[in-house]
Amino acid sequence: WSLTQFTPATNNVAPSNVWERMFAACVVLLALVMFSSFVSGVTSAVNELKMLSIMRTRERGRLLDFIQSKKISINLGSM
């Protein structure tokens, strides 16, 4: 029964008594919590990567501004 709950196809399997219905409700709620946790983790990881990219871009810009303001030779960086 639990496998048929996670497939997009229709199913003919259904709980037939109170205990099975309670179990089915608990499984669905547990799956909801687990999926929400998974989505939250992925979202957090993507946001962290985005912030790291922004910080790297800012630092690179600051470095380029420093190099230009001090008139540092490009050949110095290729040694």
C-alpha atoms as a PDB file:
ATOM      1  CA  TRP A   1       0.000   0.000   0.000  1.00  0.00           C
ATOM      2  CA  SER A   2       2.701   2.500   0.932  1.00  0.00           C
ATOM      3  CA  LEU A   3       4.393   2.156  -2.464  1.00  0.00           C
ATOM      4  CA  THR A   4       1.169   2.935  -4.285  1.00  0.00           C
ATOM      5  CA  GLN A   5       0.864   6.230  -2.393  1.00  0.00           C
ATOM      6  CA  PHE A   6       3.985   7.639  -4.032  1.00  0.00           C
ATOM      7  CA  THR A   7       3.211   6.775  -7.642  1.00  0.00           C
ATOM      8  CA  PRO A   8       1.213   9.062  -9.922  1.00  0.00           C
ATOM      9  CA  ALA A   9      -0.989   6.235 -11.201  1.00  0.00           C
ATOM     10  CA  THR A  10      -4.349   5.464  -9.662  1.00  0.00           C
ATOM     11  CA  ASN A  11      -4.578   2.540  -7.282  1.00  0.00           C
ATOM     12  CA  ASN A  12      -7.242   0.152  -6.090  1.00  0.00           C
ATOM     13  CA  VAL A  13      -5.603  -0.335  -2.705  1.00  0.00           C
ATOM     14  CA  ALA A  14      -7.275   1.516   0.156  1.00  0.00           C
ATOM     15  CA  PRO A  15      -7.402   1.183   3.936  1.00  0.00           C
ATOM     16  CA  SER A  16     -10.395  -0.822   5.072  1.00  0.00           C
ATOM     17  CA  ASN A  17     -10.566  -0.277   8.834  1.00  0.00           C
ATOM     18  CA  VAL A  18      -9.805   2.412  11.409  1.00  0.00           C
ATOM     19  CA  TRP A  19      -6.260   1.216  12.175  1.00  0.00           C
ATOM     20  CA  GLU A  20      -5.327   1.094   8.514  1.00  0.00           C
ATOM     21  CA  ARG A  21      -6.751   4.583   7.995  1.00  0.00           C
ATOM     22  CA  MET A  22      -4.778   5.929  10.963  1.00  0.00           C
ATOM     23  CA  PHE A  23      -1.633   4.264   9.651  1.00  0.00           C
ATOM     24  CA  ALA A  24      -2.282   5.711   6.184  1.00  0.00           C
ATOM     25  CA  ALA A  25      -2.740   9.196   7.634  1.00  0.00           C
ATOM     26  CA  CYS A  26       0.473   8.877   9.653  1.00  0.00           C
ATOM     27  CA  VAL A  27       2.414   7.709   6.600  1.00  0.00           C
ATOM     28  CA  VAL A  28       1.141  10.617   4.523  1.00  0.00           C
ATOM     29  CA  LEU A  29       1.988  13.141   7.275  1.00  0.00           C
ATOM     30  CA  LEU A  30       5.433  11.624   7.763  1.00  0.00           C
ATOM     31  CA  ALA A  31       6.065  11.766   4.017  1.00  0.00           C
ATOM     32  CA  LEU A  32       4.956  15.404   3.978  1.00  0.00           C
ATOM     33  CA  VAL A  33       7.377  16.288   6.777  1.00  0.00           C
ATOM     34  CA  MET A  34      10.257  14.382   5.170  1.00  0.00           C
ATOM     35  CA  PHE A  35       9.673  15.913   1.736  1.00  0.00           C
ATOM     36  CA  SER A  36       9.422  19.401   3.237  1.00  0.00           C
ATOM     37  CA  SER A  37      12.669  18.820   5.084  1.00  0.00           C
ATOM     38  CA  PHE A  38      14.352  17.668   1.870  1.00  0.00           C
ATOM     39  CA  VAL A  39      13.130  20.710  -0.066  1.00  0.00           C
ATOM     40  CA  SER A  40      14.260  22.972   2.771  1.00  0.00           C
ATOM     41  CA  GLY A  41      17.739  21.442   2.713  1.00  0.00           C
ATOM     42  CA  VAL A  42      18.069  21.855  -1.041  1.00  0.00           C
ATOM     43  CA  THR A  43      16.844  25.441  -0.855  1.00  0.00           C
ATOM     44  CA  SER A  44      19.311  26.219   1.911  1.00  0.00           C
ATOM     45  CA  ALA A  45      22.205  24.719  -0.069  1.00  0.00           C
ATOM     46  CA  VAL A  46      21.297  26.694  -3.196  1.00  0.00           C
ATOM     47  CA  ASN A  47      21.044  29.931  -1.208  1.00  0.00           C
ATOM     48  CA  GLU A  48      24.407  29.274   0.400  1.00  0.00           C
ATOM     49  CA  LEU A  49      26.012  28.692  -3.004  1.00  0.00           C
ATOM     50  CA  LYS A  50      24.438  31.880  -4.306  1.00  0.00           C
ATOM     51  CA  MET A  51      25.788  33.882  -1.357  1.00  0.00           C
ATOM     52  CA  LEU A  52      29.274  32.413  -1.842  1.00  0.00           C
ATOM     53  CA  SER A  53      29.163  33.389  -5.504  1.00  0.00           C
ATOM     54  CA  ILE A  54      28.092  36.935  -4.648  1.00  0.00           C
ATOM     55  CA  MET A  55      30.864  37.248  -2.046  1.00  0.00           C
ATOM     56  CA  ARG A  56      33.448  35.938  -4.530  1.00  0.00           C
ATOM     57  CA  THR A  57      32.299  38.411  -7.175  1.00  0.00           C
ATOM     58  CA  ARG A  58      32.519  41.290  -4.683  1.00  0.00           C
ATOM     59  CA  GLU A  59      35.994  40.280  -3.546  1.00  0.00           C
ATOM     60  CA  ARG A  60      37.172  39.988  -7.142  1.00  0.00           C
ATOM     61  CA  GLY A  61      35.785  43.448  -7.869  1.00  0.00           C
ATOM     62  CA  ARG A  62      37.542  44.884  -4.831  1.00  0.00           C
ATOM     63  CA  LEU A  63      40.794  43.237  -5.902  1.00  0.00           C
ATOM     64  CA  LEU A  64      40.503  44.627  -9.441  1.00  0.00           C
ATOM     65  CA  ASP A  65      39.742  48.096  -8.039  1.00  0.00           C
ATOM     66  CA  PHE A  66      42.824  47.867  -5.813  1.00  0.00           C
ATOM     67  CA  ILE A  67      45.022  46.726  -8.712  1.00  0.00           C
ATOM     68  CA  GLN A  68      43.777  49.574 -10.903  1.00  0.00           C
ATOM     69  CA  SER A  69      44.074  52.217  -8.177  1.00  0.00           C
ATOM     70  CA  LYS A  70      47.673  51.219  -7.368  1.00  0.00           C
ATOM     71  CA  LYS A  71      48.572  50.915 -11.063  1.00  0.00           C
ATOM     72  CA  ILE A  72      50.004  47.430 -10.593  1.00  0.00           C
ATOM     73  CA  SER A  73      51.488  45.920 -13.728  1.00  0.00           C
ATOM     74  CA  ILE A  74      49.632  43.008 -15.351  1.00  0.00           C
ATOM     75  CA  ASN A  75      52.996  41.265 -15.862  1.00  0.00           C
ATOM     76  CA  LEU A  76      53.418  41.078 -12.093  1.00  0.00           C
ATOM     77  CA  GLY A  77      50.536  38.624 -11.834  1.00  0.00           C
ATOM     78  CA  SER A  78      51.899  36.290 -14.520  1.00  0.00           C
ATOM     79  CA  MET A  79      55.126  35.386 -12.702  1.00  0.00           C
END
